[in-house]
Every structure is written in structure tokens, then in C-alpha cells.
């Protein structure tokens, strides 16, 4: 049985995440540190945990702050494999 492939919801931007697509999977990528997490990490509580633990100063930022970041991340083209 194949593993469940979670899809990134647009609501996850409030935790500072966008996604990259790799081999038909959506992988969460944090817009501040650019860390790419596994597909298993696509749970709101795990995304929120990353934000609280790794970036505590950004935890109270608004959704508007994070929603402007994915576009600049895409322009940087850090993931050359996509």
C-alpha cells in the first residue's frame, strides 16, 4: 500500500510554509530558512512546531508577512531540480 500523499493547504502560509513539487509530491518549504521538510511533515501541528522552535521571534507575525515571502523565494530559484 502506498503512503498517503498529503497536499499542502493554502492555510499553511500562516506558519510560514509554501511548497515545492518533486516527483509529483508537494514538499513543505519554510520561506524564511528555506528548509524543505518531508511529506510526512504536512501536519499543521508539526509546521507550527517548526515555527515555534526554530524561529520563535516570527511566531506572532501576521499572515501578510509570510504571504509575501513565497514569491521572492520562487524568484531566487534555489531549487534547481524543479
PDB file of N, CA and C in Angstrom:
ATOM      1  N   UNK A   1       0.845  -1.176   0.000  1.00  0.00           N
ATOM      2  CA  UNK A   1       0.000   0.000   0.000  1.00  0.00           C
ATOM      3  C   UNK A   1       0.891   1.241   0.000  1.00  0.00           C
ATOM      4  N   UNK A   2       0.587   2.157  -0.868  1.00  0.00           N
ATOM      5  CA  UNK A   2       1.386   3.381  -0.993  1.00  0.00           C
ATOM      6  C   UNK A   2       1.110   4.308   0.183  1.00  0.00           C
ATOM      7  N   UNK A   3       2.122   5.074   0.530  1.00  0.00           N
ATOM      8  CA  UNK A   3       1.971   6.035   1.620  1.00  0.00           C
ATOM      9  C   UNK A   3       1.012   7.142   1.204  1.00  0.00           C
ATOM     10  N   UNK A   4       0.310   7.662   2.157  1.00  0.00           N
ATOM     11  CA  UNK A   4      -0.624   8.746   1.890  1.00  0.00           C
ATOM     12  C   UNK A   4       0.152   9.995   1.489  1.00  0.00           C
ATOM     13  N   UNK A   5      -0.259  10.582   0.389  1.00  0.00           N
ATOM     14  CA  UNK A   5       0.392  11.800  -0.086  1.00  0.00           C
ATOM     15  C   UNK A   5      -0.441  12.987   0.365  1.00  0.00           C
ATOM     16  N   UNK A   6       0.084  13.720   1.303  1.00  0.00           N
ATOM     17  CA  UNK A   6      -0.626  14.882   1.818  1.00  0.00           C
ATOM     18  C   UNK A   6      -0.453  16.043   0.866  1.00  0.00           C
ATOM     19  N   UNK A   7      -1.437  16.900   0.817  1.00  0.00           N
ATOM     20  CA  UNK A   7      -1.388  18.104  -0.011  1.00  0.00           C
ATOM     21  C   UNK A   7      -1.282  19.316   0.896  1.00  0.00           C
ATOM     22  N   UNK A   8      -0.462  20.245   0.498  1.00  0.00           N
ATOM     23  CA  UNK A   8      -0.259  21.455   1.280  1.00  0.00           C
ATOM     24  C   UNK A   8      -1.442  22.386   1.096  1.00  0.00           C
ATOM     25  N   UNK A   9      -2.036  22.773   2.162  1.00  0.00           N
ATOM     26  CA  UNK A   9      -3.172  23.685   2.144  1.00  0.00           C
ATOM     27  C   UNK A   9      -2.669  25.122   2.102  1.00  0.00           C
ATOM     28  N   UNK A  10      -3.431  25.999   1.492  1.00  0.00           N
ATOM     29  CA  UNK A  10      -3.080  27.408   1.474  1.00  0.00           C
ATOM     30  C   UNK A  10      -3.041  28.019   2.857  1.00  0.00           C
ATOM     31  N   UNK A  11      -3.686  27.363   3.822  1.00  0.00           N
ATOM     32  CA  UNK A  11      -3.688  27.859   5.199  1.00  0.00           C
ATOM     33  C   UNK A  11      -2.324  27.727   5.878  1.00  0.00           C
ATOM     34  N   UNK A  12      -1.456  26.908   5.314  1.00  0.00           N
ATOM     35  CA  UNK A  12      -0.157  26.688   5.939  1.00  0.00           C
ATOM     36  C   UNK A  12       0.772  27.877   5.804  1.00  0.00           C
ATOM     37  N   UNK A  13       0.410  28.828   4.964  1.00  0.00           N
ATOM     38  CA  UNK A  13       1.242  30.029   4.838  1.00  0.00           C
ATOM     39  C   UNK A  13       1.276  30.795   6.154  1.00  0.00           C
ATOM     40  N   UNK A  14       0.263  30.619   6.984  1.00  0.00           N
ATOM     41  CA  UNK A  14       0.273  31.303   8.286  1.00  0.00           C
ATOM     42  C   UNK A  14       1.369  30.764   9.202  1.00  0.00           C
ATOM     43  N   UNK A  15       1.893  29.565   8.883  1.00  0.00           N
ATOM     44  CA  UNK A  15       3.023  29.007   9.618  1.00  0.00           C
ATOM     45  C   UNK A  15       4.341  29.295   8.899  1.00  0.00           C
ATOM     46  N   UNK A  16       4.274  30.004   7.778  1.00  0.00           N
ATOM     47  CA  UNK A  16       5.475  30.374   7.049  1.00  0.00           C
ATOM     48  C   UNK A  16       5.927  29.348   6.030  1.00  0.00           C
ATOM     49  N   UNK A  17       5.021  28.500   5.561  1.00  0.00           N
ATOM     50  CA  UNK A  17       5.391  27.460   4.619  1.00  0.00           C
ATOM     51  C   UNK A  17       4.748  27.656   3.263  1.00  0.00           C
ATOM     52  N   UNK A  18       5.486  27.294   2.250  1.00  0.00           N
ATOM     53  CA  UNK A  18       4.993  27.154   0.892  1.00  0.00           C
ATOM     54  C   UNK A  18       5.365  25.731   0.494  1.00  0.00           C
ATOM     55  N   UNK A  19       5.319  25.392  -0.775  1.00  0.00           N
ATOM     56  CA  UNK A  19       5.699  24.037  -1.153  1.00  0.00           C
ATOM     57  C   UNK A  19       6.503  24.052  -2.442  1.00  0.00           C
ATOM     58  N   UNK A  20       7.275  22.997  -2.629  1.00  0.00           N
ATOM     59  CA  UNK A  20       7.907  22.728  -3.905  1.00  0.00           C
ATOM     60  C   UNK A  20       7.383  21.375  -4.348  1.00  0.00           C
ATOM     61  N   UNK A  21       7.333  21.165  -5.639  1.00  0.00           N
ATOM     62  CA  UNK A  21       6.877  19.881  -6.149  1.00  0.00           C
ATOM     63  C   UNK A  21       8.082  19.096  -6.621  1.00  0.00           C
ATOM     64  N   UNK A  22       8.159  17.857  -6.166  1.00  0.00           N
ATOM     65  CA  UNK A  22       9.259  16.981  -6.534  1.00  0.00           C
ATOM     66  C   UNK A  22       8.698  15.581  -6.706  1.00  0.00           C
ATOM     67  N   UNK A  23       8.829  15.043  -7.891  1.00  0.00           N
ATOM     68  CA  UNK A  23       8.317  13.706  -8.192  1.00  0.00           C
ATOM     69  C   UNK A  23       6.847  13.571  -7.820  1.00  0.00           C
ATOM     70  N   UNK A  24       6.053  14.536  -8.228  1.00  0.00           N
ATOM     71  CA  UNK A  24       4.604  14.566  -8.003  1.00  0.00           C
ATOM     72  C   UNK A  24       4.208  14.652  -6.539  1.00  0.00           C
ATOM     73  N   UNK A  25       5.121  14.998  -5.674  1.00  0.00           N
ATOM     74  CA  UNK A  25       4.826  15.216  -4.259  1.00  0.00           C
ATOM     75  C   UNK A  25       4.975  16.696  -3.950  1.00  0.00           C
ATOM     76  N   UNK A  26       4.137  17.171  -3.069  1.00  0.00           N
ATOM     77  CA  UNK A  26       4.297  18.526  -2.557  1.00  0.00           C
ATOM     78  C   UNK A  26       5.072  18.431  -1.252  1.00  0.00           C
ATOM     79  N   UNK A  27       6.229  19.065  -1.232  1.00  0.00           N
ATOM     80  CA  UNK A  27       7.045  19.068  -0.031  1.00  0.00           C
ATOM     81  C   UNK A  27       7.018  20.459   0.579  1.00  0.00           C
ATOM     82  N   UNK A  28       6.773  20.559   1.881  1.00  0.00           N
ATOM     83  CA  UNK A  28       6.732  21.867   2.522  1.00  0.00           C
ATOM     84  C   UNK A  28       8.120  22.489   2.591  1.00  0.00           C
ATOM     85  N   UNK A  29       8.183  23.771   2.249  1.00  0.00           N
ATOM     86  CA  UNK A  29       9.433  24.507   2.342  1.00  0.00           C
ATOM     87  C   UNK A  29       9.176  25.766   3.150  1.00  0.00           C
ATOM     88  N   UNK A  30       9.979  25.971   4.171  1.00  0.00           N
ATOM     89  CA  UNK A  30       9.829  27.132   5.014  1.00  0.00           C
ATOM     90  C   UNK A  30      10.380  28.344   4.287  1.00  0.00           C
ATOM     91  N   UNK A  31       9.633  29.432   4.245  1.00  0.00           N
ATOM     92  CA  UNK A  31      10.013  30.598   3.445  1.00  0.00           C
ATOM     93  C   UNK A  31      11.106  31.445   4.073  1.00  0.00           C
ATOM     94  N   UNK A  32      11.424  31.231   5.334  1.00  0.00           N
ATOM     95  CA  UNK A  32      12.471  32.010   5.986  1.00  0.00           C
ATOM     96  C   UNK A  32      13.813  31.289   5.901  1.00  0.00           C
ATOM     97  N   UNK A  33      13.880  30.054   6.377  1.00  0.00           N
ATOM     98  CA  UNK A  33      15.155  29.323   6.381  1.00  0.00           C
ATOM     99  C   UNK A  33      15.329  28.451   5.140  1.00  0.00           C
ATOM    100  N   UNK A  34      14.308  28.354   4.306  1.00  0.00           N
ATOM    101  CA  UNK A  34      14.293  27.584   3.065  1.00  0.00           C
ATOM    102  C   UNK A  34      14.485  26.088   3.265  1.00  0.00           C
ATOM    103  N   UNK A  35      14.290  25.622   4.481  1.00  0.00           N
ATOM    104  CA  UNK A  35      14.399  24.200   4.780  1.00  0.00           C
ATOM    105  C   UNK A  35      13.217  23.464   4.151  1.00  0.00           C
ATOM    106  N   UNK A  36      13.496  22.342   3.498  1.00  0.00           N
ATOM    107  CA  UNK A  36      12.457  21.514   2.898  1.00  0.00           C
ATOM    108  C   UNK A  36      12.217  20.332   3.826  1.00  0.00           C
ATOM    109  N   UNK A  37      10.974  20.146   4.207  1.00  0.00           N
ATOM    110  CA  UNK A  37      10.597  19.069   5.122  1.00  0.00           C
ATOM    111  C   UNK A  37      10.013  17.904   4.336  1.00  0.00           C
ATOM    112  N   UNK A  38       9.865  16.778   4.971  1.00  0.00           N
ATOM    113  CA  UNK A  38       9.299  15.608   4.305  1.00  0.00           C
ATOM    114  C   UNK A  38       7.788  15.762   4.154  1.00  0.00           C
ATOM    115  N   UNK A  39       7.226  14.934   3.301  1.00  0.00           N
ATOM    116  CA  UNK A  39       5.782  14.947   3.087  1.00  0.00           C
ATOM    117  C   UNK A  39       5.039  14.585   4.358  1.00  0.00           C
ATOM    118  N   UNK A  40       5.651  13.793   5.218  1.00  0.00           N
ATOM    119  CA  UNK A  40       5.030  13.422   6.496  1.00  0.00           C
ATOM    120  C   UNK A  40       4.874  14.630   7.416  1.00  0.00           C
ATOM    121  N   UNK A  41       5.604  15.672   7.149  1.00  0.00           N
ATOM    122  CA  UNK A  41       5.550  16.881   7.991  1.00  0.00           C
ATOM    123  C   UNK A  41       4.383  17.794   7.648  1.00  0.00           C
ATOM    124  N   UNK A  42       3.584  17.415   6.686  1.00  0.00           N
ATOM    125  CA  UNK A  42       2.451  18.248   6.287  1.00  0.00           C
ATOM    126  C   UNK A  42       1.284  18.111   7.251  1.00  0.00           C
ATOM    127  N   UNK A  43       1.562  18.364   8.479  1.00  0.00           N
ATOM    128  CA  UNK A  43       0.532  18.399   9.515  1.00  0.00           C
ATOM    129  C   UNK A  43       0.645  19.755  10.184  1.00  0.00           C
ATOM    130  N   UNK A  44      -0.464  20.434  10.370  1.00  0.00           N
ATOM    131  CA  UNK A  44      -0.389  21.776  10.951  1.00  0.00           C
ATOM    132  C   UNK A  44       0.375  21.837  12.263  1.00  0.00           C
ATOM    133  N   UNK A  45       0.215  20.834  13.106  1.00  0.00           N
ATOM    134  CA  UNK A  45       0.916  20.882  14.397  1.00  0.00           C
ATOM    135  C   UNK A  45       2.431  20.769  14.222  1.00  0.00           C
ATOM    136  N   UNK A  46       2.906  20.018  13.242  1.00  0.00           N
ATOM    137  CA  UNK A  46       4.351  19.907  13.007  1.00  0.00           C
ATOM    138  C   UNK A  46       4.911  21.175  12.369  1.00  0.00           C
ATOM    139  N   UNK A  47       4.135  21.778  11.479  1.00  0.00           N
ATOM    140  CA  UNK A  47       4.571  23.023  10.864  1.00  0.00           C
ATOM    141  C   UNK A  47       4.628  24.142  11.901  1.00  0.00           C
ATOM    142  N   UNK A  48       3.631  24.171  12.760  1.00  0.00           N
ATOM    143  CA  UNK A  48       3.616  25.164  13.825  1.00  0.00           C
ATOM    144  C   UNK A  48       4.772  24.930  14.803  1.00  0.00           C
ATOM    145  N   UNK A  49       5.078  23.659  15.086  1.00  0.00           N
ATOM    146  CA  UNK A  49       6.184  23.337  15.977  1.00  0.00           C
ATOM    147  C   UNK A  49       7.507  23.852  15.411  1.00  0.00           C
ATOM    148  N   UNK A  50       7.713  23.663  14.098  1.00  0.00           N
ATOM    149  CA  UNK A  50       8.943  24.160  13.466  1.00  0.00           C
ATOM    150  C   UNK A  50       9.055  25.671  13.644  1.00  0.00           C
ATOM    151  N   UNK A  51       7.967  26.361  13.411  1.00  0.00           N
ATOM    152  CA  UNK A  51       7.977  27.814  13.547  1.00  0.00           C
ATOM    153  C   UNK A  51       8.295  28.227  14.984  1.00  0.00           C
ATOM    154  N   UNK A  52       7.660  27.594  15.957  1.00  0.00           N
ATOM    155  CA  UNK A  52       7.886  27.953  17.364  1.00  0.00           C
ATOM    156  C   UNK A  52       9.301  27.625  17.832  1.00  0.00           C
ATOM    157  N   UNK A  53       9.810  26.477  17.424  1.00  0.00           N
ATOM    158  CA  UNK A  53      11.113  26.023  17.909  1.00  0.00           C
ATOM    159  C   UNK A  53      12.283  26.667  17.173  1.00  0.00           C
ATOM    160  N   UNK A  54      12.171  26.785  15.862  1.00  0.00           N
ATOM    161  CA  UNK A  54      13.295  27.263  15.063  1.00  0.00           C
ATOM    162  C   UNK A  54      13.296  28.777  14.870  1.00  0.00           C
ATOM    163  N   UNK A  55      12.123  29.391  14.910  1.00  0.00           N
ATOM    164  CA  UNK A  55      12.001  30.819  14.627  1.00  0.00           C
ATOM    165  C   UNK A  55      11.021  31.482  15.603  1.00  0.00           C
ATOM    166  N   UNK A  56      11.321  31.461  16.890  1.00  0.00           N
ATOM    167  CA  UNK A  56      10.356  31.954  17.886  1.00  0.00           C
ATOM    168  C   UNK A  56      10.041  33.446  17.738  1.00  0.00           C
ATOM    169  N   UNK A  57      10.946  34.215  17.180  1.00  0.00           N
ATOM    170  CA  UNK A  57      10.675  35.650  17.018  1.00  0.00           C
ATOM    171  C   UNK A  57       9.654  35.914  15.924  1.00  0.00           C
ATOM    172  N   UNK A  58       9.431  34.940  15.052  1.00  0.00           N
ATOM    173  CA  UNK A  58       8.477  35.112  13.951  1.00  0.00           C
ATOM    174  C   UNK A  58       7.115  34.505  14.248  1.00  0.00           C
ATOM    175  N   UNK A  59       6.971  33.867  15.386  1.00  0.00           N
ATOM    176  CA  UNK A  59       5.732  33.153  15.686  1.00  0.00           C
ATOM    177  C   UNK A  59       4.512  34.062  15.689  1.00  0.00           C
ATOM    178  N   UNK A  60       4.645  35.289  16.128  1.00  0.00           N
ATOM    179  CA  UNK A  60       3.494  36.198  16.207  1.00  0.00           C
ATOM    180  C   UNK A  60       3.329  37.074  14.975  1.00  0.00           C
ATOM    181  N   UNK A  61       4.094  36.804  13.913  1.00  0.00           N
ATOM    182  CA  UNK A  61       3.955  37.584  12.680  1.00  0.00           C
ATOM    183  C   UNK A  61       2.613  37.275  12.021  1.00  0.00           C
ATOM    184  N   UNK A  62       2.130  38.242  11.256  1.00  0.00           N
ATOM    185  CA  UNK A  62       0.833  38.087  10.595  1.00  0.00           C
ATOM    186  C   UNK A  62       0.966  37.256   9.326  1.00  0.00           C
ATOM    187  N   UNK A  63      -0.170  36.804   8.828  1.00  0.00           N
ATOM    188  CA  UNK A  63      -0.199  36.025   7.593  1.00  0.00           C
ATOM    189  C   UNK A  63       0.294  36.864   6.415  1.00  0.00           C
ATOM    190  N   UNK A  64       0.085  38.169   6.469  1.00  0.00           N
ATOM    191  CA  UNK A  64       0.550  39.058   5.397  1.00  0.00           C
ATOM    192  C   UNK A  64       2.076  39.048   5.308  1.00  0.00           C
ATOM    193  N   UNK A  65       2.736  38.954   6.438  1.00  0.00           N
ATOM    194  CA  UNK A  65       4.195  38.895   6.458  1.00  0.00           C
ATOM    195  C   UNK A  65       4.682  37.664   5.700  1.00  0.00           C
ATOM    196  N   UNK A  66       4.088  36.513   5.984  1.00  0.00           N
ATOM    197  CA  UNK A  66       4.519  35.276   5.352  1.00  0.00           C
ATOM    198  C   UNK A  66       4.042  35.141   3.912  1.00  0.00           C
ATOM    199  N   UNK A  67       2.900  35.709   3.583  1.00  0.00           N
ATOM    200  CA  UNK A  67       2.365  35.531   2.235  1.00  0.00           C
ATOM    201  C   UNK A  67       3.184  36.273   1.183  1.00  0.00           C
ATOM    202  N   UNK A  68       3.965  37.258   1.586  1.00  0.00           N
ATOM    203  CA  UNK A  68       4.805  37.964   0.617  1.00  0.00           C
ATOM    204  C   UNK A  68       6.105  37.213   0.336  1.00  0.00           C
ATOM    205  N   UNK A  69       6.461  36.279   1.166  1.00  0.00           N
ATOM    206  CA  UNK A  69       7.750  35.580   1.049  1.00  0.00           C
ATOM    207  C   UNK A  69       7.826  34.530  -0.066  1.00  0.00           C
ATOM    208  N   UNK A  70       6.778  33.755  -0.356  1.00  0.00           N
ATOM    209  CA  UNK A  70       6.923  32.710  -1.384  1.00  0.00           C
ATOM    210  C   UNK A  70       7.304  33.238  -2.763  1.00  0.00           C
ATOM    211  N   UNK A  71       6.792  34.381  -3.145  1.00  0.00           N
ATOM    212  CA  UNK A  71       7.132  34.924  -4.464  1.00  0.00           C
ATOM    213  C   UNK A  71       8.609  35.259  -4.563  1.00  0.00           C
ATOM    214  N   UNK A  72       9.167  35.862  -3.537  1.00  0.00           N
ATOM    215  CA  UNK A  72      10.597  36.174  -3.573  1.00  0.00           C
ATOM    216  C   UNK A  72      11.425  34.895  -3.540  1.00  0.00           C
ATOM    217  N   UNK A  73      10.937  33.873  -2.868  1.00  0.00           N
ATOM    218  CA  UNK A  73      11.626  32.589  -2.822  1.00  0.00           C
ATOM    219  C   UNK A  73      11.654  31.948  -4.204  1.00  0.00           C
ATOM    220  N   UNK A  74      10.542  32.012  -4.926  1.00  0.00           N
ATOM    221  CA  UNK A  74      10.477  31.440  -6.273  1.00  0.00           C
ATOM    222  C   UNK A  74      11.419  32.181  -7.228  1.00  0.00           C
ATOM    223  N   UNK A  75      11.531  33.487  -7.043  1.00  0.00           N
ATOM    224  CA  UNK A  75      12.420  34.261  -7.912  1.00  0.00           C
ATOM    225  C   UNK A  75      13.881  33.901  -7.681  1.00  0.00           C
ATOM    226  N   UNK A  76      14.207  33.469  -6.480  1.00  0.00           N
ATOM    227  CA  UNK A  76      15.586  33.124  -6.167  1.00  0.00           C
ATOM    228  C   UNK A  76      16.009  31.821  -6.838  1.00  0.00           C
ATOM    229  N   UNK A  77      15.038  30.956  -7.152  1.00  0.00           N
ATOM    230  CA  UNK A  77      15.284  29.690  -7.843  1.00  0.00           C
ATOM    231  C   UNK A  77      16.379  28.870  -7.167  1.00  0.00           C
ATOM    232  N   UNK A  78      16.257  28.685  -5.876  1.00  0.00           N
ATOM    233  CA  UNK A  78      17.254  27.919  -5.139  1.00  0.00           C
ATOM    234  C   UNK A  78      17.177  26.424  -5.447  1.00  0.00           C
ATOM    235  N   UNK A  79      15.990  25.959  -5.757  1.00  0.00           N
ATOM    236  CA  UNK A  79      15.832  24.540  -6.048  1.00  0.00           C
ATOM    237  C   UNK A  79      15.969  24.341  -7.559  1.00  0.00           C
ATOM    238  N   UNK A  80      17.151  24.062  -8.029  1.00  0.00           N
ATOM    239  CA  UNK A  80      17.435  23.926  -9.453  1.00  0.00           C
ATOM    240  C   UNK A  80      16.850  22.646 -10.044  1.00  0.00           C
ATOM    241  N   UNK A  81      16.494  21.691  -9.207  1.00  0.00           N
ATOM    242  CA  UNK A  81      15.990  20.411  -9.706  1.00  0.00           C
ATOM    243  C   UNK A  81      14.556  20.473 -10.181  1.00  0.00           C
ATOM    244  N   UNK A  82      13.835  21.529  -9.845  1.00  0.00           N
ATOM    245  CA  UNK A  82      12.415  21.635 -10.213  1.00  0.00           C
ATOM    246  C   UNK A  82      12.293  22.301 -11.550  1.00  0.00           C
TER     247      UNK A  82
END
